[in-house]
């Protein structure tokens, strides 16, 4: 059956005795899967590589020492404290809906090895939410913590940001068309590859100013996971481009490209709002340049035309962001706090 924009995808059966066992018949969507997890017969070889990398990334939020942060948090400038609170409120909400939505997406992905990856991603998103809660539990009073967690209910900027991704996820709750699933995949790609970066750069800027080291380390671990999630959804989209090219019409490609642009514009506006020009080491211009660079990179990695003229290279003024998020330097010995190379990090084809 030819899948088109309006094709309603069937939720795969949990037990399917008539499912295909031949690897060459496996498909990303619209396949006939048995749901058997066979680690020796995978159509998508990159999924095995991703799975092992993600398993090697296991970490526990509470093993990171936050003692210095308890003192530093009270010493942050008003602008830094406001940014810290609002960015955490934003991050914890999005990772929470990621945890809830990924199993829904997996019900319509008919490649078993890819569903294994989605399951690990959902687990990691739950760990991220746990990490943010741990950060707040450590440095805040219970009342402060609750106020920060639910700022999105009263802050129109936060609500708008959450609604862009949330509404796309909700759309797929009601519309199980192939196009709606593709939009969810692109929304995941935007969330993992664009949406968090004003927040990440804020924390890394604190780190290079010797503030909140525990929070910075938590973010580095989260950033490393998000790199793998970005790689996962980029790979899913690439496979769909090969298997279902009729879904990637010029009109659809422009729709996906416009989604990435909207994600970038929201991230820039958000960075201007929470960071502005009042935090030492960061400016609105730096935020704009970096997000426009990311937007072009994300588009090009899906085979789309870049969004912004110029901005094809990482801004020199922001090279420290990549240094902080470098997967090869991120492993920490929790007992000795020594930075060491992370095992098998070279498996991650990082395009960040």
Protein backbone atom coordinates (compact mmCIF):
# COMPACT_ATOMS: atom_id res chain seq x y z
CA UNK A 1 0.00 0.00 0.00
CA UNK A 2 1.27 3.43 -0.97
CA UNK A 3 1.35 5.74 2.04
CA UNK A 4 0.36 9.35 1.44
CA UNK A 5 -0.18 12.41 3.64
CA UNK A 6 -3.67 11.35 4.66
CA UNK A 7 -3.00 7.65 5.14
CA UNK A 8 -4.22 6.71 8.62
CA UNK A 9 -1.54 4.65 10.30
CA UNK A 10 -2.73 1.59 12.18
CA UNK A 11 -1.51 1.05 15.70
CA UNK A 12 0.60 -2.08 15.58
CA UNK A 13 -0.66 -5.20 17.29
CA UNK A 14 1.04 -6.14 20.52
CA UNK A 15 1.06 -9.84 19.65
CA UNK A 16 1.15 -10.48 15.93
CA UNK A 17 1.62 -14.15 15.00
CA UNK A 18 1.40 -13.33 11.28
CA UNK A 19 4.08 -10.64 11.42
CA UNK A 20 6.98 -10.60 8.96
CA UNK A 21 10.23 -12.14 10.16
CA UNK A 22 12.27 -11.31 7.04
CA UNK A 23 14.51 -8.32 7.74
CA UNK A 24 14.17 -6.94 4.20
CA UNK A 25 10.40 -6.52 4.73
CA UNK A 26 10.83 -4.35 7.81
CA UNK A 27 9.66 -0.73 7.47
CA UNK A 28 9.78 2.36 9.64
CA UNK A 29 6.01 2.86 9.33
CA UNK A 30 3.25 0.72 7.82
CA UNK A 31 5.15 -2.53 8.37
CA UNK A 32 3.95 -5.85 9.79
CA UNK A 33 6.08 -6.40 12.87
CA UNK A 34 6.09 -9.36 15.25
CA UNK A 35 7.45 -7.08 18.03
CA UNK A 36 10.22 -9.62 18.69
CA UNK A 37 13.40 -7.94 19.88
CA UNK A 38 16.07 -9.73 17.85
CA UNK A 39 19.42 -8.06 18.45
CA UNK A 40 21.14 -10.16 15.78
CA UNK A 41 18.89 -9.28 12.87
CA UNK A 42 18.42 -5.56 12.43
CA UNK A 43 17.59 -3.78 9.21
CA UNK A 44 18.78 -0.43 10.53
CA UNK A 45 22.38 -1.03 11.59
CA UNK A 46 22.68 2.45 13.07
CA UNK A 47 20.02 1.52 15.67
CA UNK A 48 22.36 -1.07 17.21
CA UNK A 49 25.13 1.52 17.43
CA UNK A 50 22.74 4.08 18.94
CA UNK A 51 21.35 1.57 21.45
CA UNK A 52 24.79 0.68 22.79
CA UNK A 53 25.85 4.32 22.99
CA UNK A 54 22.70 5.24 24.88
CA UNK A 55 23.17 2.34 27.29
CA UNK A 56 26.73 3.51 27.97
CA UNK A 57 25.37 6.96 28.82
CA UNK A 58 23.68 5.77 32.03
CA UNK A 59 24.01 8.22 34.93
CA UNK A 60 22.30 9.05 38.22
CA UNK A 61 21.41 12.70 38.98
CA UNK A 62 21.86 12.41 42.75
CA UNK A 63 25.50 11.34 42.38
CA UNK A 64 26.46 14.85 41.30
CA UNK A 65 27.54 17.06 44.19
CA UNK A 66 25.37 20.17 44.53
CA UNK A 67 26.85 21.56 47.77
CA UNK A 68 28.51 24.55 46.11
CA UNK A 69 25.31 25.34 44.22
CA UNK A 70 23.38 25.75 47.46
CA UNK A 71 25.60 28.69 48.32
CA UNK A 72 26.01 30.02 44.77
CA UNK A 73 22.27 30.12 44.09
CA UNK A 74 21.74 32.76 46.77
CA UNK A 75 24.60 34.81 45.33
CA UNK A 76 23.33 34.91 41.75
CA UNK A 77 22.39 38.32 40.41
CA UNK A 78 18.66 38.97 40.01
CA UNK A 79 19.00 38.47 36.24
CA UNK A 80 20.88 35.19 36.68
CA UNK A 81 18.42 33.85 39.25
CA UNK A 82 15.42 34.75 37.08
CA UNK A 83 17.03 33.02 34.09
CA UNK A 84 17.96 29.96 36.17
CA UNK A 85 14.39 29.56 37.46
CA UNK A 86 12.60 30.14 34.16
CA UNK A 87 14.94 27.95 32.13
CA UNK A 88 14.53 25.05 34.57
CA UNK A 89 10.75 25.49 34.47
CA UNK A 90 10.88 25.27 30.69
CA UNK A 91 13.25 22.31 30.53
CA UNK A 92 11.46 20.14 33.08
CA UNK A 93 8.08 20.59 31.40
CA UNK A 94 9.30 19.66 27.93
CA UNK A 95 11.20 16.61 29.15
CA UNK A 96 8.06 15.57 31.01
CA UNK A 97 5.88 15.63 27.90
CA UNK A 98 8.66 13.88 25.98
CA UNK A 99 8.46 11.03 28.48
CA UNK A 100 4.70 10.83 27.98
CA UNK A 101 4.66 11.18 24.19
CA UNK A 102 7.43 8.84 23.03
CA UNK A 103 5.50 5.63 23.84
CA UNK A 104 2.60 7.01 21.77
CA UNK A 105 4.94 7.54 18.80
CA UNK A 106 6.36 4.06 19.26
CA UNK A 107 2.95 2.46 18.74
CA UNK A 108 3.15 3.47 15.06
CA UNK A 109 6.83 2.75 14.40
CA UNK A 110 7.02 -0.76 12.97
CA UNK A 111 10.79 -1.25 13.16
CA UNK A 112 11.53 -3.08 16.39
CA UNK A 113 15.11 -1.92 16.76
CA UNK A 114 13.99 1.70 16.49
CA UNK A 115 11.34 1.15 19.16
CA UNK A 116 14.08 -0.13 21.48
CA UNK A 117 15.82 3.21 20.98
CA UNK A 118 12.62 5.17 21.64
CA UNK A 119 12.15 3.22 24.88
CA UNK A 120 15.61 4.19 26.09
CA UNK A 121 14.99 7.80 25.10
CA UNK A 122 11.77 7.87 27.14
CA UNK A 123 13.69 6.53 30.14
CA UNK A 124 16.39 9.16 29.70
CA UNK A 125 13.79 11.94 29.48
CA UNK A 126 12.42 10.73 32.82
CA UNK A 127 15.94 10.89 34.27
CA UNK A 128 16.26 14.46 32.99
CA UNK A 129 13.06 15.45 34.78
CA UNK A 130 14.41 13.75 37.89
CA UNK A 131 17.64 15.71 37.49
CA UNK A 132 15.89 19.07 37.32
CA UNK A 133 13.83 18.17 40.37
CA UNK A 134 16.98 17.16 42.23
CA UNK A 135 18.58 20.50 41.36
CA UNK A 136 15.58 22.40 42.69
CA UNK A 137 15.14 20.19 45.76
CA UNK A 138 18.76 20.87 46.67
CA UNK A 139 18.89 24.63 46.28
CA UNK A 140 15.29 25.76 46.92
CA UNK A 141 12.66 25.64 49.60
CA UNK A 142 9.59 23.49 48.79
CA UNK A 143 7.52 26.61 48.08
CA UNK A 144 10.19 28.04 45.76
CA UNK A 145 10.43 24.71 43.98
CA UNK A 146 6.69 24.52 43.32
CA UNK A 147 6.60 28.13 42.09
CA UNK A 148 9.42 27.43 39.63
CA UNK A 149 7.92 24.18 38.34
CA UNK A 150 4.61 25.83 37.43
CA UNK A 151 5.82 29.19 36.13
CA UNK A 152 4.60 28.19 32.67
CA UNK A 153 1.01 28.55 33.86
CA UNK A 154 1.45 32.29 34.48
CA UNK A 155 4.31 33.31 32.18
CA UNK A 156 2.96 33.86 28.66
CA UNK A 157 6.42 33.41 27.13
CA UNK A 158 6.80 30.00 28.77
CA UNK A 159 3.28 28.96 27.86
CA UNK A 160 3.78 29.89 24.20
CA UNK A 161 6.96 27.86 24.04
CA UNK A 162 5.38 24.81 25.55
CA UNK A 163 2.29 25.09 23.33
CA UNK A 164 4.23 25.00 20.05
CA UNK A 165 5.58 21.51 20.68
CA UNK A 166 2.69 20.39 22.90
CA UNK A 167 0.04 21.23 20.31
CA UNK A 168 1.92 19.26 17.63
CA UNK A 169 2.02 16.28 19.98
CA UNK A 170 -1.68 16.71 20.78
CA UNK A 171 -2.49 16.84 17.07
CA UNK A 172 -1.13 13.32 16.70
CA UNK A 173 -3.37 12.17 19.53
CA UNK A 174 -6.36 12.87 17.26
CA UNK A 175 -4.86 12.62 13.77
CA UNK A 176 -2.97 9.40 13.07
CA UNK A 177 -2.11 10.33 9.49
CA UNK A 178 1.37 9.78 8.10
CA UNK A 179 1.85 13.55 7.79
CA UNK A 180 0.93 14.10 11.45
CA UNK A 181 3.53 11.49 12.47
CA UNK A 182 6.16 13.19 10.34
CA UNK A 183 5.34 16.49 11.99
CA UNK A 184 5.82 14.85 15.40
CA UNK A 185 9.21 13.52 14.26
CA UNK A 186 10.28 16.97 13.09
CA UNK A 187 8.95 18.48 16.34
CA UNK A 188 11.17 16.06 18.28
CA UNK A 189 14.10 17.05 16.08
CA UNK A 190 13.42 20.73 16.83
CA UNK A 191 13.03 20.12 20.54
CA UNK A 192 16.28 18.16 20.82
CA UNK A 193 18.29 20.18 18.32
CA UNK A 194 17.17 23.79 18.76
CA UNK A 195 14.78 24.31 21.64
CA UNK A 196 17.09 23.71 24.60
CA UNK A 197 20.12 25.67 23.53
CA UNK A 198 19.49 29.08 25.07
CA UNK A 199 19.11 27.19 28.34
CA UNK A 200 22.24 25.11 27.84
CA UNK A 201 24.34 28.15 26.93
CA UNK A 202 23.10 29.96 30.03
CA UNK A 203 24.28 27.14 32.29
CA UNK A 204 27.59 26.79 30.48
CA UNK A 205 28.11 30.52 30.85
CA UNK A 206 27.61 30.11 34.60
CA UNK A 207 30.21 27.37 34.49
CA UNK A 208 32.86 29.48 32.77
CA UNK A 209 32.22 32.11 35.43
CA UNK A 210 32.80 29.50 38.16
CA UNK A 211 29.19 29.44 39.35
CA UNK A 212 26.77 26.56 40.02
CA UNK A 213 29.18 23.71 39.10
CA UNK A 214 26.77 20.95 40.07
CA UNK A 215 24.00 22.39 37.90
CA UNK A 216 26.44 22.74 35.01
CA UNK A 217 27.46 19.10 35.30
CA UNK A 218 23.83 17.95 35.37
CA UNK A 219 23.20 19.95 32.19
CA UNK A 220 26.26 18.46 30.50
CA UNK A 221 24.95 14.96 31.08
CA UNK A 222 21.52 15.98 29.83
CA UNK A 223 23.04 17.68 26.78
CA UNK A 224 24.95 14.51 25.96
CA UNK A 225 21.71 12.51 26.03
CA UNK A 226 19.94 15.11 23.91
CA UNK A 227 22.69 14.79 21.29
CA UNK A 228 21.85 11.10 20.93
CA UNK A 229 18.11 11.87 20.79
CA UNK A 230 18.76 14.36 18.01
CA UNK A 231 20.76 11.73 16.14
CA UNK A 232 17.92 9.21 16.63
CA UNK A 233 15.20 11.41 15.13
CA UNK A 234 17.44 12.61 12.34
CA UNK A 235 18.04 8.95 11.46
CA UNK A 236 14.31 8.15 11.62
CA UNK A 237 13.54 11.04 9.27
CA UNK A 238 16.35 9.99 6.89
CA UNK A 239 14.96 6.45 6.71
CA UNK A 240 11.48 7.79 6.01
CA UNK A 241 12.93 9.98 3.25
CA UNK A 242 14.29 6.81 1.63
CA UNK A 243 11.32 4.52 2.28
CA UNK A 244 8.46 6.97 1.75
CA UNK A 245 9.84 9.66 -0.59
CA UNK A 246 6.32 10.57 -1.71
CA UNK A 247 5.76 12.12 1.75
CA UNK A 248 8.60 14.59 1.23
CA UNK A 249 7.03 16.75 -1.43
CA UNK A 250 8.31 20.29 -1.93
CA UNK A 251 5.22 21.49 -0.03
CA UNK A 252 5.84 19.15 2.90
CA UNK A 253 9.54 19.93 2.98
CA UNK A 254 8.73 23.62 3.17
CA UNK A 255 6.27 22.87 5.98
CA UNK A 256 8.99 21.04 7.94
CA UNK A 257 11.47 23.80 7.18
CA UNK A 258 8.98 26.42 8.42
CA UNK A 259 8.56 24.40 11.62
CA UNK A 260 12.32 24.56 12.18
CA UNK A 261 12.25 28.29 11.50
CA UNK A 262 9.44 28.77 14.03
CA UNK A 263 11.41 26.77 16.57
CA UNK A 264 14.46 28.96 15.98
CA UNK A 265 12.52 32.22 16.19
CA UNK A 266 10.92 31.09 19.44
CA UNK A 267 14.29 30.05 20.85
CA UNK A 268 15.81 33.42 19.91
CA UNK A 269 12.90 35.34 21.44
CA UNK A 270 13.12 33.17 24.54
CA UNK A 271 16.86 33.78 24.86
CA UNK A 272 16.30 37.52 24.56
CA UNK A 273 13.63 37.30 27.26
CA UNK A 274 15.41 35.18 29.86
CA UNK A 275 19.04 36.15 29.15
CA UNK A 276 18.88 39.58 27.54
CA UNK A 277 21.94 41.77 27.98
CA UNK A 278 22.09 41.71 31.78
CA UNK A 279 24.09 38.51 32.30
CA UNK A 280 27.89 38.82 32.11
CA UNK A 281 29.29 36.84 29.19
CA UNK A 282 26.07 36.65 27.13
CA UNK A 283 24.17 39.06 24.92
CA UNK A 284 21.07 38.99 22.75
CA UNK A 285 23.33 39.12 19.69
CA UNK A 286 25.24 36.03 20.80
CA UNK A 287 21.99 34.14 21.34
CA UNK A 288 20.69 35.16 17.90
CA UNK A 289 23.87 34.21 16.05
CA UNK A 290 24.12 30.82 17.72
CA UNK A 291 20.49 29.80 17.20
CA UNK A 292 20.54 30.92 13.56
CA UNK A 293 23.66 28.80 13.08
CA UNK A 294 21.86 25.83 14.67
CA UNK A 295 18.78 26.38 12.51
CA UNK A 296 20.87 26.26 9.33
CA UNK A 297 22.72 23.17 10.56
CA UNK A 298 19.49 21.35 11.42
CA UNK A 299 17.95 22.13 8.03
CA UNK A 300 21.01 21.08 6.09
CA UNK A 301 21.21 17.80 7.99
CA UNK A 302 17.72 16.94 6.71
CA UNK A 303 18.59 17.99 3.17
CA UNK A 304 16.71 21.30 3.34
CA UNK A 305 17.92 24.73 2.32
CA UNK A 306 19.35 26.80 5.19
CA UNK A 307 17.08 29.31 6.89
CA UNK A 308 19.40 32.24 7.42
CA UNK A 309 21.84 33.96 5.11
CA UNK A 310 25.35 33.33 6.36
CA UNK A 311 25.55 31.65 9.77
CA UNK A 312 27.04 28.49 8.25
CA UNK A 313 29.84 28.21 10.81
CA UNK A 314 29.67 28.11 14.58
CA UNK A 315 30.12 31.69 15.87
CA UNK A 316 33.63 32.13 17.22
CA UNK A 317 32.21 33.94 20.25
CA UNK A 318 30.26 30.79 21.19
CA UNK A 319 32.92 28.09 20.78
CA UNK A 320 32.85 27.52 24.54
CA UNK A 321 29.34 26.03 24.24
CA UNK A 322 30.69 23.13 22.17
CA UNK A 323 33.61 22.72 24.55
CA UNK A 324 31.25 22.28 27.49
CA UNK A 325 28.98 19.86 25.64
CA UNK A 326 31.79 17.80 24.08
CA UNK A 327 30.80 14.15 24.57
CA UNK A 328 34.46 13.10 24.78
CA UNK A 329 35.10 15.24 27.86
CA UNK A 330 31.89 14.82 29.78
CA UNK A 331 32.40 11.74 31.93
CA UNK A 332 33.08 12.54 35.57
CA UNK A 333 34.37 10.35 38.35
CA UNK A 334 31.80 11.29 41.00
CA UNK A 335 34.12 10.48 43.88
CA UNK A 336 37.24 12.28 42.65
CA UNK A 337 35.57 14.84 40.33
CA UNK A 338 38.16 14.17 37.63
CA UNK A 339 37.23 14.67 34.01
CA UNK A 340 37.95 11.57 31.91
CA UNK A 341 37.18 10.47 28.38
CA UNK A 342 33.80 8.79 28.09
CA UNK A 343 33.77 5.15 27.02
CA UNK A 344 32.76 4.59 23.39
CA UNK A 345 31.72 8.22 22.92
CA UNK A 346 33.18 8.02 19.43
CA UNK A 347 30.12 5.93 18.50
CA UNK A 348 28.08 9.12 18.52
CA UNK A 349 28.21 10.88 15.17
CA UNK A 350 27.75 14.26 16.77
CA UNK A 351 26.84 17.07 14.36
CA UNK A 352 26.49 19.74 17.03
